[in-house]
Structures are given as structure tokens and as C-alpha cells.
C-alpha atoms as a PDB file:
ATOM      1  CA  MET A   1     192.762  91.257  61.556  1.00  0.00           C
ATOM      2  CA  SER A   2     189.248  92.409  60.544  1.00  0.00           C
ATOM      3  CA  ALA A   3     186.687  93.283  63.188  1.00  0.00           C
ATOM      4  CA  HIS A   4     184.624  90.216  62.247  1.00  0.00           C
ATOM      5  CA  ARG A   5     187.582  87.842  62.469  1.00  0.00           C
ATOM      6  CA  LYS A   6     188.626  89.390  65.791  1.00  0.00           C
ATOM      7  CA  SER A   7     185.084  88.948  67.122  1.00  0.00           C
ATOM      8  CA  SER A   8     184.998  85.287  66.049  1.00  0.00           C
ATOM      9  CA  HIS A   9     188.441  84.757  67.598  1.00  0.00           C
ATOM     10  CA  ASP A  10     187.257  86.315  70.882  1.00  0.00           C
ATOM     11  CA  THR A  11     184.152  84.137  70.831  1.00  0.00           C
ATOM     12  CA  ALA A  12     186.265  81.019  70.261  1.00  0.00           C
ATOM     13  CA  LEU A  13     188.438  81.897  73.252  1.00  0.00           C
ATOM     14  CA  LEU A  14     185.335  82.492  75.384  1.00  0.00           C
ATOM     15  CA  VAL A  15     183.876  79.125  74.307  1.00  0.00           C
ATOM     16  CA  GLU A  16     187.119  77.402  75.281  1.00  0.00           C
ATOM     17  CA  ALA A  17     187.213  79.115  78.680  1.00  0.00           C
ATOM     18  CA  ILE A  18     183.571  78.264  79.427  1.00  0.00           C
ATOM     19  CA  ARG A  19     184.082  74.626  78.475  1.00  0.00           C
ATOM     20  CA  ALA A  20     187.050  74.570  80.856  1.00  0.00           C
ATOM     21  CA  GLY A  21     184.748  75.661  83.689  1.00  0.00           C
ATOM     22  CA  ASP A  22     186.094  79.205  84.033  1.00  0.00           C
ATOM     23  CA  ARG A  23     183.517  80.994  86.214  1.00  0.00           C
ATOM     24  CA  VAL A  24     184.741  84.455  85.186  1.00  0.00           C
ATOM     25  CA  ALA A  25     184.264  83.544  81.519  1.00  0.00           C
ATOM     26  CA  LEU A  26     180.789  82.177  82.278  1.00  0.00           C
ATOM     27  CA  ALA A  27     179.853  85.428  84.027  1.00  0.00           C
ATOM     28  CA  ARG A  28     181.156  87.409  81.034  1.00  0.00           C
ATOM     29  CA  ALA A  29     179.090  85.279  78.662  1.00  0.00           C
ATOM     30  CA  ILE A  30     175.914  85.808  80.696  1.00  0.00           C
ATOM     31  CA  THR A  31     176.556  89.567  80.746  1.00  0.00           C
ATOM     32  CA  LEU A  32     176.924  89.426  76.960  1.00  0.00           C
ATOM     33  CA  VAL A  33     173.614  87.575  76.608  1.00  0.00           C
ATOM     34  CA  GLU A  34     171.865  90.062  78.914  1.00  0.00           C
ATOM     35  CA  SER A  35     173.151  93.073  76.964  1.00  0.00           C
ATOM     36  CA  GLY A  36     170.699  94.976  74.794  1.00  0.00           C
ATOM     37  CA  LYS A  37     173.366  96.175  72.335  1.00  0.00           C
ATOM     38  CA  ALA A  38     173.010  94.838  68.789  1.00  0.00           C
ATOM     39  CA  GLU A  39     176.692  93.893  68.494  1.00  0.00           C
ATOM     40  CA  ASP A  40     176.576  92.045  71.813  1.00  0.00           C
ATOM     41  CA  GLN A  41     173.440  90.173  70.770  1.00  0.00           C
ATOM     42  CA  GLU A  42     175.156  89.042  67.577  1.00  0.00           C
ATOM     43  CA  ALA A  43     178.181  87.807  69.534  1.00  0.00           C
ATOM     44  CA  ALA A  44     175.908  86.119  72.094  1.00  0.00           C
ATOM     45  CA  GLN A  45     174.049  84.273  69.341  1.00  0.00           C
ATOM     46  CA  GLU A  46     177.305  82.962  67.876  1.00  0.00           C
ATOM     47  CA  LEU A  47     178.434  81.921  71.358  1.00  0.00           C
ATOM     48  CA  LEU A  48     175.207  80.037  72.091  1.00  0.00           C
ATOM     49  CA  GLU A  49     175.332  78.236  68.739  1.00  0.00           C
ATOM     50  CA  ARG A  50     178.905  77.073  69.350  1.00  0.00           C
ATOM     51  CA  LEU A  51     178.059  75.866  72.845  1.00  0.00           C
ATOM     52  CA  SER A  52     174.747  74.238  71.890  1.00  0.00           C
ATOM     53  CA  PRO A  53     176.189  70.691  71.505  1.00  0.00           C
ATOM     54  CA  HIS A  54     177.390  70.851  75.118  1.00  0.00           C
ATOM     55  CA  THR A  55     174.040  71.801  76.676  1.00  0.00           C
ATOM     56  CA  GLY A  56     171.064  69.809  77.971  1.00  0.00           C
ATOM     57  CA  LYS A  57     172.929  67.444  80.271  1.00  0.00           C
ATOM     58  CA  SER A  58     171.859  68.891  83.634  1.00  0.00           C
ATOM     59  CA  ILE A  59     168.920  68.376  85.953  1.00  0.00           C
ATOM     60  CA  ARG A  60     167.017  71.653  85.747  1.00  0.00           C
ATOM     61  CA  VAL A  61     165.053  72.450  88.900  1.00  0.00           C
ATOM     62  CA  GLY A  62     162.771  75.431  89.477  1.00  0.00           C
ATOM     63  CA  ILE A  63     162.288  76.524  93.084  1.00  0.00           C
ATOM     64  CA  SER A  64     159.512  78.907  94.044  1.00  0.00           C
ATOM     65  CA  GLY A  65     157.161  79.639  96.907  1.00  0.00           C
ATOM     66  CA  VAL A  66     155.840  82.293  99.213  1.00  0.00           C
ATOM     67  CA  PRO A  67     158.185  85.053 100.443  1.00  0.00           C
ATOM     68  CA  GLY A  68     159.751  84.105 103.768  1.00  0.00           C
ATOM     69  CA  GLY A  69     159.506  80.401 102.983  1.00  0.00           C
ATOM     70  CA  GLY A  70     163.251  79.912 103.246  1.00  0.00           C
ATOM     71  CA  LYS A  71     164.039  79.297  99.555  1.00  0.00           C
ATOM     72  CA  SER A  72     167.549  80.762  99.794  1.00  0.00           C
ATOM     73  CA  THR A  73     168.415  78.801 102.951  1.00  0.00           C
ATOM     74  CA  LEU A  74     167.119  75.662 101.239  1.00  0.00           C
ATOM     75  CA  ILE A  75     169.159  76.270  98.083  1.00  0.00           C
ATOM     76  CA  ASP A  76     172.296  77.079 100.085  1.00  0.00           C
ATOM     77  CA  GLN A  77     172.087  73.854 102.116  1.00  0.00           C
ATOM     78  CA  LEU A  78     170.902  71.685  99.223  1.00  0.00           C
ATOM     79  CA  GLY A  79     173.718  73.029  97.055  1.00  0.00           C
ATOM     80  CA  VAL A  80     176.321  72.213  99.704  1.00  0.00           C
ATOM     81  CA  ASN A  81     174.880  68.690  99.995  1.00  0.00           C
ATOM     82  CA  LEU A  82     175.033  68.178  96.232  1.00  0.00           C
ATOM     83  CA  LEU A  83     178.640  69.395  96.067  1.00  0.00           C
ATOM     84  CA  ALA A  84     179.507  66.761  98.673  1.00  0.00           C
ATOM     85  CA  GLN A  85     178.089  64.170  96.242  1.00  0.00           C
ATOM     86  CA  GLY A  86     180.448  65.381  93.510  1.00  0.00           C
ATOM     87  CA  ARG A  87     177.908  67.523  91.673  1.00  0.00           C
ATOM     88  CA  LYS A  88     178.560  70.942  90.137  1.00  0.00           C
ATOM     89  CA  VAL A  89     175.767  73.363  91.013  1.00  0.00           C
ATOM     90  CA  ALA A  90     174.666  76.547  89.264  1.00  0.00           C
ATOM     91  CA  VAL A  91     172.098  78.788  90.946  1.00  0.00           C
ATOM     92  CA  LEU A  92     170.244  81.351  88.886  1.00  0.00           C
ATOM     93  CA  ALA A  93     168.685  83.550  91.534  1.00  0.00           C
ATOM     94  CA  VAL A  94     166.371  86.200  90.143  1.00  0.00           C
ATOM     95  CA  ASP A  95     166.174  89.410  92.163  1.00  0.00           C
ATOM     96  CA  PRO A  96     162.861  91.218  92.391  1.00  0.00           C
ATOM     97  CA  THR A  97     163.598  94.640  90.931  1.00  0.00           C
ATOM     98  CA  SER A  98     162.056  97.827  92.214  1.00  0.00           C
ATOM     99  CA  SER A  99     159.596  99.141  89.631  1.00  0.00           C
ATOM    100  CA  ARG A 100     160.339 102.670  90.834  1.00  0.00           C
ATOM    101  CA  SER A 101     164.099 102.744  91.242  1.00  0.00           C
ATOM    102  CA  GLY A 102     165.058  99.791  89.045  1.00  0.00           C
ATOM    103  CA  GLY A 103     167.376  98.543  91.781  1.00  0.00           C
ATOM    104  CA  SER A 104     167.589  94.948  92.982  1.00  0.00           C
ATOM    105  CA  ILE A 105     166.698  94.419  96.623  1.00  0.00           C
ATOM    106  CA  LEU A 106     168.346  91.073  97.333  1.00  0.00           C
ATOM    107  CA  GLY A 107     171.975  90.070  97.644  1.00  0.00           C
ATOM    108  CA  ASP A 108     172.043  86.418  96.634  1.00  0.00           C
ATOM    109  CA  LYS A 109     175.689  85.761  97.392  1.00  0.00           C
ATOM    110  CA  THR A 110     175.043  87.033 100.920  1.00  0.00           C
ATOM    111  CA  ARG A 111     171.924  84.900 101.321  1.00  0.00           C
ATOM    112  CA  MET A 112     173.795  81.816 100.052  1.00  0.00           C
ATOM    113  CA  GLY A 113     177.100  82.468 101.770  1.00  0.00           C
ATOM    114  CA  ARG A 114     178.412  78.910 102.077  1.00  0.00           C
ATOM    115  CA  LEU A 115     177.540  77.950  98.521  1.00  0.00           C
ATOM    116  CA  ALA A 116     179.026  81.144  97.099  1.00  0.00           C
ATOM    117  CA  ALA A 117     182.385  80.251  98.647  1.00  0.00           C
ATOM    118  CA  GLU A 118     182.553  76.857  96.925  1.00  0.00           C
ATOM    119  CA  ALA A 119     184.746  76.395  93.830  1.00  0.00           C
ATOM    120  CA  HIS A 120     182.284  74.045  92.105  1.00  0.00           C
ATOM    121  CA  ALA A 121     179.269  76.300  92.595  1.00  0.00           C
ATOM    122  CA  PHE A 122     178.189  79.273  90.512  1.00  0.00           C
ATOM    123  CA  ILE A 123     175.614  81.822  91.661  1.00  0.00           C
ATOM    124  CA  ARG A 124     174.259  84.393  89.272  1.00  0.00           C
ATOM    125  CA  PRO A 125     171.857  87.016  90.618  1.00  0.00           C
ATOM    126  CA  SER A 126     169.939  88.777  87.860  1.00  0.00           C
ATOM    127  CA  PRO A 127     167.277  91.493  88.097  1.00  0.00           C
ATOM    128  CA  ALA A 128     163.868  90.330  86.918  1.00  0.00           C
ATOM    129  CA  GLY A 129     162.976  93.851  85.783  1.00  0.00           C
ATOM    130  CA  ASP A 130     159.602  93.915  84.039  1.00  0.00           C
ATOM    131  CA  SER A 131     159.668  90.215  83.079  1.00  0.00           C
ATOM    132  CA  LEU A 132     156.726  88.070  84.095  1.00  0.00           C
ATOM    133  CA  GLY A 133     157.081  84.783  85.898  1.00  0.00           C
ATOM    134  CA  GLY A 134     159.855  85.933  88.189  1.00  0.00           C
ATOM    135  CA  VAL A 135     162.527  85.106  85.619  1.00  0.00           C
ATOM    136  CA  THR A 136     164.642  87.284  83.367  1.00  0.00           C
ATOM    137  CA  LYS A 137     164.251  87.399  79.603  1.00  0.00           C
ATOM    138  CA  THR A 138     167.562  85.555  79.298  1.00  0.00           C
ATOM    139  CA  THR A 139     167.121  82.812  81.924  1.00  0.00           C
ATOM    140  CA  ARG A 140     166.936  80.103  79.253  1.00  0.00           C
ATOM    141  CA  GLU A 141     170.213  81.248  77.723  1.00  0.00           C
ATOM    142  CA  THR A 142     171.832  81.377  81.152  1.00  0.00           C
ATOM    143  CA  ILE A 143     170.738  77.780  81.830  1.00  0.00           C
ATOM    144  CA  ALA A 144     172.333  76.685  78.538  1.00  0.00           C
ATOM    145  CA  LEU A 145     175.583  78.534  79.285  1.00  0.00           C
ATOM    146  CA  SER A 146     175.769  76.979  82.767  1.00  0.00           C
ATOM    147  CA  GLU A 147     175.307  73.511  81.306  1.00  0.00           C
ATOM    148  CA  ALA A 148     178.044  74.145  78.738  1.00  0.00           C
ATOM    149  CA  ALA A 149     180.354  75.091  81.621  1.00  0.00           C
ATOM    150  CA  GLY A 150     179.823  71.639  83.147  1.00  0.00           C
ATOM    151  CA  TYR A 151     177.212  72.339  85.817  1.00  0.00           C
ATOM    152  CA  ASP A 152     175.085  69.202  86.077  1.00  0.00           C
ATOM    153  CA  VAL A 153     172.507  70.706  88.445  1.00  0.00           C
ATOM    154  CA  VAL A 154     170.886  74.057  87.612  1.00  0.00           C
ATOM    155  CA  LEU A 155     168.620  75.551  90.280  1.00  0.00           C
ATOM    156  CA  VAL A 156     166.406  78.462  89.229  1.00  0.00           C
ATOM    157  CA  GLU A 157     165.060  80.433  92.186  1.00  0.00           C
ATOM    158  CA  THR A 158     162.102  82.586  91.236  1.00  0.00           C
ATOM    159  CA  VAL A 159     160.840  85.761  92.834  1.00  0.00           C
ATOM    160  CA  GLY A 160     157.723  84.162  94.281  1.00  0.00           C
ATOM    161  CA  VAL A 161     155.838  87.402  94.823  1.00  0.00           C
ATOM    162  CA  GLY A 162     152.760  86.826  92.683  1.00  0.00           C
ATOM    163  CA  GLN A 163     153.857  86.711  89.048  1.00  0.00           C
ATOM    164  CA  SER A 164     152.807  83.783  86.914  1.00  0.00           C
ATOM    165  CA  GLU A 165     155.241  80.973  87.693  1.00  0.00           C
ATOM    166  CA  THR A 166     154.342  79.258  84.423  1.00  0.00           C
ATOM    167  CA  ALA A 167     157.369  80.947  82.857  1.00  0.00           C
ATOM    168  CA  VAL A 168     159.898  79.110  85.004  1.00  0.00           C
ATOM    169  CA  ALA A 169     157.938  75.851  84.958  1.00  0.00           C
ATOM    170  CA  ASN A 170     158.290  75.974  81.168  1.00  0.00           C
ATOM    171  CA  MET A 171     162.076  75.988  81.297  1.00  0.00           C
ATOM    172  CA  VAL A 172     162.891  73.373  83.967  1.00  0.00           C
ATOM    173  CA  ASP A 173     162.472  69.614  84.345  1.00  0.00           C
ATOM    174  CA  VAL A 174     161.231  69.509  87.937  1.00  0.00           C
ATOM    175  CA  PHE A 175     159.344  72.269  89.747  1.00  0.00           C
ATOM    176  CA  VAL A 176     159.592  72.508  93.542  1.00  0.00           C
ATOM    177  CA  VAL A 177     157.282  74.716  95.594  1.00  0.00           C
ATOM    178  CA  VAL A 178     158.537  75.696  99.053  1.00  0.00           C
ATOM    179  CA  ALA A 179     155.719  76.206 101.549  1.00  0.00           C
ATOM    180  CA  ILE A 180     155.585  76.959 105.260  1.00  0.00           C
ATOM    181  CA  ALA A 181     153.146  76.309 108.057  1.00  0.00           C
ATOM    182  CA  GLY A 182     151.442  79.377 109.431  1.00  0.00           C
ATOM    183  CA  ALA A 183     148.429  80.478 111.392  1.00  0.00           C
ATOM    184  CA  GLY A 184     145.032  79.644 109.960  1.00  0.00           C
ATOM    185  CA  ASP A 185     144.364  78.068 106.606  1.00  0.00           C
ATOM    186  CA  GLU A 186     147.710  76.936 105.167  1.00  0.00           C
ATOM    187  CA  LEU A 187     146.400  77.052 101.610  1.00  0.00           C
ATOM    188  CA  GLN A 188     145.564  80.743 101.739  1.00  0.00           C
ATOM    189  CA  GLY A 189     149.190  81.757 101.369  1.00  0.00           C
ATOM    190  CA  ILE A 190     149.814  79.903  98.137  1.00  0.00           C
ATOM    191  CA  LYS A 191     148.060  80.122  94.789  1.00  0.00           C
ATOM    192  CA  ARG A 192     146.141  77.241  93.262  1.00  0.00           C
ATOM    193  CA  GLY A 193     147.925  77.906  89.957  1.00  0.00           C
ATOM    194  CA  LEU A 194     151.274  77.486  91.659  1.00  0.00           C
ATOM    195  CA  LEU A 195     150.164  74.212  93.262  1.00  0.00           C
ATOM    196  CA  GLU A 196     149.109  72.883  89.866  1.00  0.00           C
ATOM    197  CA  LEU A 197     152.612  73.451  88.522  1.00  0.00           C
ATOM    198  CA  ALA A 198     154.324  71.626  91.391  1.00  0.00           C
ATOM    199  CA  ASP A 199     156.090  68.295  91.053  1.00  0.00           C
ATOM    200  CA  ILE A 200     157.130  68.487  94.715  1.00  0.00           C
ATOM    201  CA  ILE A 201     155.876  70.577  97.629  1.00  0.00           C
ATOM    202  CA  ALA A 202     158.395  70.937 100.443  1.00  0.00           C
ATOM    203  CA  VAL A 203     156.931  72.301 103.680  1.00  0.00           C
ATOM    204  CA  ASN A 204     159.947  74.042 105.191  1.00  0.00           C
ATOM    205  CA  LYS A 205     160.814  75.049 108.757  1.00  0.00           C
ATOM    206  CA  ALA A 206     159.655  71.728 110.263  1.00  0.00           C
ATOM    207  CA  GLU A 207     161.794  72.245 113.343  1.00  0.00           C
ATOM    208  CA  GLY A 208     161.398  72.823 117.088  1.00  0.00           C
ATOM    209  CA  ASP A 209     157.875  73.751 118.135  1.00  0.00           C
ATOM    210  CA  ASN A 210     156.848  74.059 114.474  1.00  0.00           C
ATOM    211  CA  VAL A 211     157.090  70.352 113.582  1.00  0.00           C
ATOM    212  CA  GLU A 212     153.459  69.558 114.371  1.00  0.00           C
ATOM    213  CA  ARG A 213     152.199  72.582 112.415  1.00  0.00           C
ATOM    214  CA  ALA A 214     154.402  71.615 109.456  1.00  0.00           C
ATOM    215  CA  ASN A 215     153.045  68.065 109.483  1.00  0.00           C
ATOM    216  CA  ARG A 216     149.501  69.382 109.615  1.00  0.00           C
ATOM    217  CA  ALA A 217     150.217  71.743 106.721  1.00  0.00           C
ATOM    218  CA  ALA A 218     151.677  68.876 104.692  1.00  0.00           C
ATOM    219  CA  MET A 219     148.456  66.890 105.208  1.00  0.00           C
ATOM    220  CA  GLU A 220     146.394  69.861 104.024  1.00  0.00           C
ATOM    221  CA  TYR A 221     148.502  70.152 100.901  1.00  0.00           C
ATOM    222  CA  LYS A 222     148.176  66.416 100.230  1.00  0.00           C
ATOM    223  CA  THR A 223     144.388  66.690 100.521  1.00  0.00           C
ATOM    224  CA  ALA A 224     144.270  69.705  98.213  1.00  0.00           C
ATOM    225  CA  LEU A 225     146.547  68.045  95.668  1.00  0.00           C
ATOM    226  CA  HIS A 226     144.454  64.878  95.723  1.00  0.00           C
ATOM    227  CA  ILE A 227     141.453  66.974  94.714  1.00  0.00           C
ATOM    228  CA  LEU A 228     143.379  68.904  92.055  1.00  0.00           C
ATOM    229  CA  ALA A 229     144.992  65.737  90.655  1.00  0.00           C
ATOM    230  CA  ALA A 230     141.582  64.250  89.849  1.00  0.00           C
ATOM    231  CA  GLY A 231     141.641  66.134  86.551  1.00  0.00           C
ATOM    232  CA  HIS A 232     145.310  65.331  85.852  1.00  0.00           C
ATOM    233  CA  PRO A 233     145.669  61.518  85.653  1.00  0.00           C
ATOM    234  CA  ASN A 234     149.445  61.576  85.007  1.00  0.00           C
ATOM    235  CA  TRP A 235     150.242  64.140  87.676  1.00  0.00           C
ATOM    236  CA  GLU A 236     151.256  62.842  91.110  1.00  0.00           C
ATOM    237  CA  PRO A 237     153.093  65.536  93.066  1.00  0.00           C
ATOM    238  CA  HIS A 238     154.913  64.631  96.274  1.00  0.00           C
ATOM    239  CA  VAL A 239     154.581  66.463  99.597  1.00  0.00           C
ATOM    240  CA  LEU A 240     157.192  66.273 102.341  1.00  0.00           C
ATOM    241  CA  THR A 241     158.343  68.257 105.358  1.00  0.00           C
ATOM    242  CA  ILE A 242     161.895  69.571 105.608  1.00  0.00           C
ATOM    243  CA  SER A 243     164.093  71.796 107.716  1.00  0.00           C
ATOM    244  CA  ALA A 244     166.614  73.633 105.552  1.00  0.00           C
ATOM    245  CA  ARG A 245     168.059  75.218 108.700  1.00  0.00           C
ATOM    246  CA  ASP A 246     168.755  71.831 110.295  1.00  0.00           C
ATOM    247  CA  ASN A 247     169.528  70.051 107.004  1.00  0.00           C
ATOM    248  CA  ARG A 248     166.742  67.568 107.644  1.00  0.00           C
ATOM    249  CA  GLY A 249     164.707  66.039 104.818  1.00  0.00           C
ATOM    250  CA  LEU A 250     166.866  67.551 102.067  1.00  0.00           C
ATOM    251  CA  ASP A 251     168.325  64.197 100.997  1.00  0.00           C
ATOM    252  CA  GLU A 252     164.794  62.848 100.603  1.00  0.00           C
ATOM    253  CA  LEU A 253     163.831  65.982  98.665  1.00  0.00           C
ATOM    254  CA  TRP A 254     166.693  65.478  96.216  1.00  0.00           C
ATOM    255  CA  GLN A 255     165.864  61.775  95.878  1.00  0.00           C
ATOM    256  CA  LYS A 256     162.359  62.767  94.799  1.00  0.00           C
ATOM    257  CA  VAL A 257     163.769  65.305  92.325  1.00  0.00           C
ATOM    258  CA  GLU A 258     166.028  62.626  90.803  1.00  0.00           C
ATOM    259  CA  ALA A 259     163.204  60.072  90.747  1.00  0.00           C
ATOM    260  CA  ARG A 260     160.938  62.508  88.933  1.00  0.00           C
ATOM    261  CA  HIS A 261     163.682  63.398  86.439  1.00  0.00           C
ATOM    262  CA  GLU A 262     164.486  59.735  85.811  1.00  0.00           C
ATOM    263  CA  ALA A 263     160.813  58.841  85.301  1.00  0.00           C
ATOM    264  CA  LEU A 264     160.450  61.644  82.752  1.00  0.00           C
ATOM    265  CA  ALA A 265     163.590  60.510  80.934  1.00  0.00           C
ATOM    266  CA  LYS A 266     162.554  56.831  80.795  1.00  0.00           C
ATOM    267  CA  SER A 267     159.063  57.626  79.513  1.00  0.00           C
ATOM    268  CA  GLY A 268     160.345  59.974  76.817  1.00  0.00           C
ATOM    269  CA  ALA A 269     158.449  62.853  78.394  1.00  0.00           C
ATOM    270  CA  LEU A 270     161.660  64.707  79.234  1.00  0.00           C
ATOM    271  CA  SER A 271     162.809  64.959  75.620  1.00  0.00           C
ATOM    272  CA  THR A 272     159.277  65.963  74.573  1.00  0.00           C
ATOM    273  CA  ARG A 273     159.119  68.585  77.313  1.00  0.00           C
ATOM    274  CA  ARG A 274     162.493  70.064  76.368  1.00  0.00           C
ATOM    275  CA  ALA A 275     161.566  70.093  72.677  1.00  0.00           C
ATOM    276  CA  ASP A 276     158.368  71.985  73.519  1.00  0.00           C
ATOM    277  CA  GLN A 277     160.379  74.359  75.704  1.00  0.00           C
ATOM    278  CA  ALA A 278     162.785  75.024  72.815  1.00  0.00           C
ATOM    279  CA  VAL A 279     159.878  75.936  70.528  1.00  0.00           C
ATOM    280  CA  ALA A 280     158.439  78.217  73.227  1.00  0.00           C
ATOM    281  CA  TRP A 281     161.880  79.824  73.550  1.00  0.00           C
ATOM    282  CA  MET A 282     161.950  80.455  69.779  1.00  0.00           C
ATOM    283  CA  ARG A 283     158.538  82.114  69.896  1.00  0.00           C
ATOM    284  CA  GLU A 284     159.536  84.260  72.852  1.00  0.00           C
ATOM    285  CA  ILE A 285     162.725  85.473  71.160  1.00  0.00           C
ATOM    286  CA  PHE A 286     160.835  86.212  67.944  1.00  0.00           C
ATOM    287  CA  GLU A 287     158.130  88.172  69.762  1.00  0.00           C
ATOM    288  CA  GLN A 288     160.735  90.213  71.645  1.00  0.00           C
ATOM    289  CA  ARG A 289     162.670  91.010  68.467  1.00  0.00           C
ATOM    290  CA  LEU A 290     159.525  91.744  66.490  1.00  0.00           C
ATOM    291  CA  LEU A 291     158.382  94.227  69.128  1.00  0.00           C
ATOM    292  CA  ALA A 292     161.864  95.784  69.330  1.00  0.00           C
ATOM    293  CA  ALA A 293     162.037  96.150  65.546  1.00  0.00           C
ATOM    294  CA  PHE A 294     158.562  97.673  65.440  1.00  0.00           C
ATOM    295  CA  LYS A 295     159.280 100.175  68.208  1.00  0.00           C
ATOM    296  CA  GLY A 296     162.555 101.043  66.468  1.00  0.00           C
ATOM    297  CA  GLY A 297     160.789 102.173  63.290  1.00  0.00           C
ATOM    298  CA  ARG A 298     160.416 105.918  62.820  1.00  0.00           C
ATOM    299  CA  ARG A 299     156.663 105.923  62.321  1.00  0.00           C
ATOM    300  CA  ALA A 300     156.022 103.594  65.260  1.00  0.00           C
ATOM    301  CA  ALA A 301     158.393 105.529  67.503  1.00  0.00           C
ATOM    302  CA  ARG A 302     156.398 108.711  66.865  1.00  0.00           C
ATOM    303  CA  HIS A 303     153.101 107.073  67.763  1.00  0.00           C
ATOM    304  CA  TRP A 304     154.125 104.686  70.540  1.00  0.00           C
ATOM    305  CA  GLN A 305     154.617 107.189  73.351  1.00  0.00           C
ATOM    306  CA  ASP A 306     151.616 109.241  72.241  1.00  0.00           C
ATOM    307  CA  LEU A 307     149.340 106.198  72.423  1.00  0.00           C
ATOM    308  CA  GLU A 308     150.789 105.118  75.774  1.00  0.00           C
ATOM    309  CA  ASP A 309     150.073 108.605  77.141  1.00  0.00           C
ATOM    310  CA  LYS A 310     146.483 108.502  75.861  1.00  0.00           C
ATOM    311  CA  VAL A 311     145.868 105.075  77.427  1.00  0.00           C
ATOM    312  CA  ARG A 312     147.443 106.201  80.710  1.00  0.00           C
ATOM    313  CA  ALA A 313     145.255 109.314  80.774  1.00  0.00           C
ATOM    314  CA  GLY A 314     142.117 107.299  80.015  1.00  0.00           C
ATOM    315  CA  ASP A 315     141.595 109.074  76.686  1.00  0.00           C
ATOM    316  CA  MET A 316     141.875 105.822  74.756  1.00  0.00           C
ATOM    317  CA  THR A 317     141.167 102.195  75.537  1.00  0.00           C
ATOM    318  CA  PRO A 318     144.055  99.694  75.447  1.00  0.00           C
ATOM    319  CA  ALA A 319     142.252  97.739  72.714  1.00  0.00           C
ATOM    320  CA  ALA A 320     141.822 100.823  70.513  1.00  0.00           C
ATOM    321  CA  ALA A 321     145.474 101.804  70.987  1.00  0.00           C
ATOM    322  CA  ALA A 322     146.643  98.275  70.155  1.00  0.00           C
ATOM    323  CA  HIS A 323     144.412  98.317  67.059  1.00  0.00           C
ATOM    324  CA  GLU A 324     145.987 101.585  65.908  1.00  0.00           C
ATOM    325  CA  LEU A 325     149.493 100.214  66.475  1.00  0.00           C
ATOM    326  CA  GLY A 326     148.492  97.154  64.478  1.00  0.00           C
ATOM    327  CA  GLN A 327     147.414  99.362  61.588  1.00  0.00           C
ATOM    328  CA  ILE A 328     150.765 101.131  61.685  1.00  0.00           C
ATOM    329  CA  ALA A 329     152.483  97.742  61.555  1.00  0.00           C
ATOM    330  CA  GLY A 330     150.209  96.592  58.721  1.00  0.00           C
ATOM    331  CA  VAL A 331     148.635  93.857  60.847  1.00  0.00           C
ATOM    332  CA  LYS A 332     145.037  93.047  60.018  1.00  0.00           C
ATOM    333  CA  PRO A 333     142.740  92.300  62.972  1.00  0.00           C
ATOM    334  CA  PRO A 334     141.527  88.689  63.251  1.00  0.00           C
ATOM    335  CA  LYS A 335     138.174  87.982  61.627  1.00  0.00           C
END
């Protein structure tokens, strides 16, 4: 059997295992997609094309918010609740990666202990590395693979430490921001840009002595959103208080997620949104491959590090270095 035929045979077996809901096969497929090796990328592309007809049937939910807001506790409890309803839940939890050591600092299967033990749940921690938006470069592919494996709810937990959350908002159907009540101005701990992306704001930790503060914080968010929504006539985000620890308010939260998803589907906005997301995905892949191909060229490879060093030392401006790289690539500057 030729190497190509063997590869296609292996891919066919992997497709079959994923469609059967084999979690080990799904993990293998995601590892393949995340690999930077050329042969793995080729196999991953074939795999994604074969599985494409079986994707797109989940509710895709992005979950972000300030550090310490209880996102993992929320996802763990929400996931358990959804499993009890007969759902299959995939969690794509993106670890913040140390820029110095390259090591991930979170252990998602520890943080979501109950969900990790469930047969109909799948948790995939992935290092964000140098990707913006708190998501990996392959999060979109991982969503598609999870859907092909039969997971009808895909929760994407983002880093939530300051990167632009637009990236994850552009790959999910409903975006949930987890907030908490704290001392002083509640709105200081959360970015306006993040609020503008939200479909739902869930003020967590509304329990014990903190209930009144949580209610007050929710009112502040409602006031702020009312002001922000003035320029967005079709945008009506919901605000509610929850306690992930006590499993209170989570059913209402999921009802709002489903209501938002259903409204998008009925209006046709969901199909439009996903079509736009697919085009954005295409552009992103092309840009990544274009840059990789450019850096892989002999002439560019010789100049790349030299120009980086000059910019780092302050001997050259970023714009001048980019212009020189453009000349090497044969790209004319815009008029």
C-alpha cells in the first residue's frame, strides 16, 4: 500500500471513530490539527473536509470575563446541568501560556472535575501561546471536530486577561460575559469593548452576604448597557445574577442562551453570522500560511531576524522594517 493510500485509509478510520463519538480519536484529531508539521496539516485538511457535512449543528457559546470571576466553576456546573438534559458538551478551555517559559498555568480537567469525569463531556485544554483574543489558532477547527463527534453544545472559555475578545466572539453564536461584584465601581474591572460584544452578562457569586452587592452590580451593568445600546438598535443584551457555586440562576442563563440562539436562527442572522465567520476563517488561514511561506523563503529568512533585531534595538522603526520586508516579498505599498 502506498504512503498516500495508507494516509487516506488512516484518515477514513479516524473519521469513522470521530463520528462514533470516540473521545480518544477526537483528541488525536485535534492534536493533528494543532501540529505545525506539513504532513500533519495535509492530513488535517483532508480530515476536516470529510467531516465538514457533519458540522454546524451545535450551539456555540463563548464564555469570558475578568480573572477570578468563576468561569470554570460556572462551566463545570452548567455542563453537568446540560448533561442531565441529555446534551453532549464539549469544552474548549484555552490556557494562558507563559510568554517566558511557554508553559500553561491552568489545569482545566482539575478545575472542571465533575464534568471531566462524565462520559458525554469532552474537555480540551489548549495553550493560547501568542494568539490574540484568548483563543488558539486552531479553535475554529476544534469546534468543527467537536460538532462532528456529536457534541451539540460547544463552550469556548477564553483567557480573559486583556486580549481582544473579538476573536472568540467571531466564532461563536452567543457570547456570555461573566462578571462579579466587587468594591467600588463595578464597571472598572471590565472593558467597554468586552461589554459591547456581550449577548448575556452573568454576575456570578450572588450568594451569602454578596447577594445585595451582586444585585447592585447587575443594575449598574444594565444602566451601562442601556447607554451603549443606544447606538446598536438590534442589540439587547441580558443581565442576570447567578451563583455557579450554589447552582442558582444557571437554568435561567441557559434559557437565555437558547432564546438568543433561536432568535438568531429564525431571523436568518445565524446563518449569515456563520457564513461571515467562515469567510473570516478563510482569511485567517490564508494570512497564516502566507506569512509562513514568506518566512520560509531563503531571502526572507536571512532578513527577518536581522530586521527584528534592529526594531528591538530601536535602530529601525517597525514601519520601515515592514516596508523593507514588503519589498523583499514584492509587495507594493498602498498609494
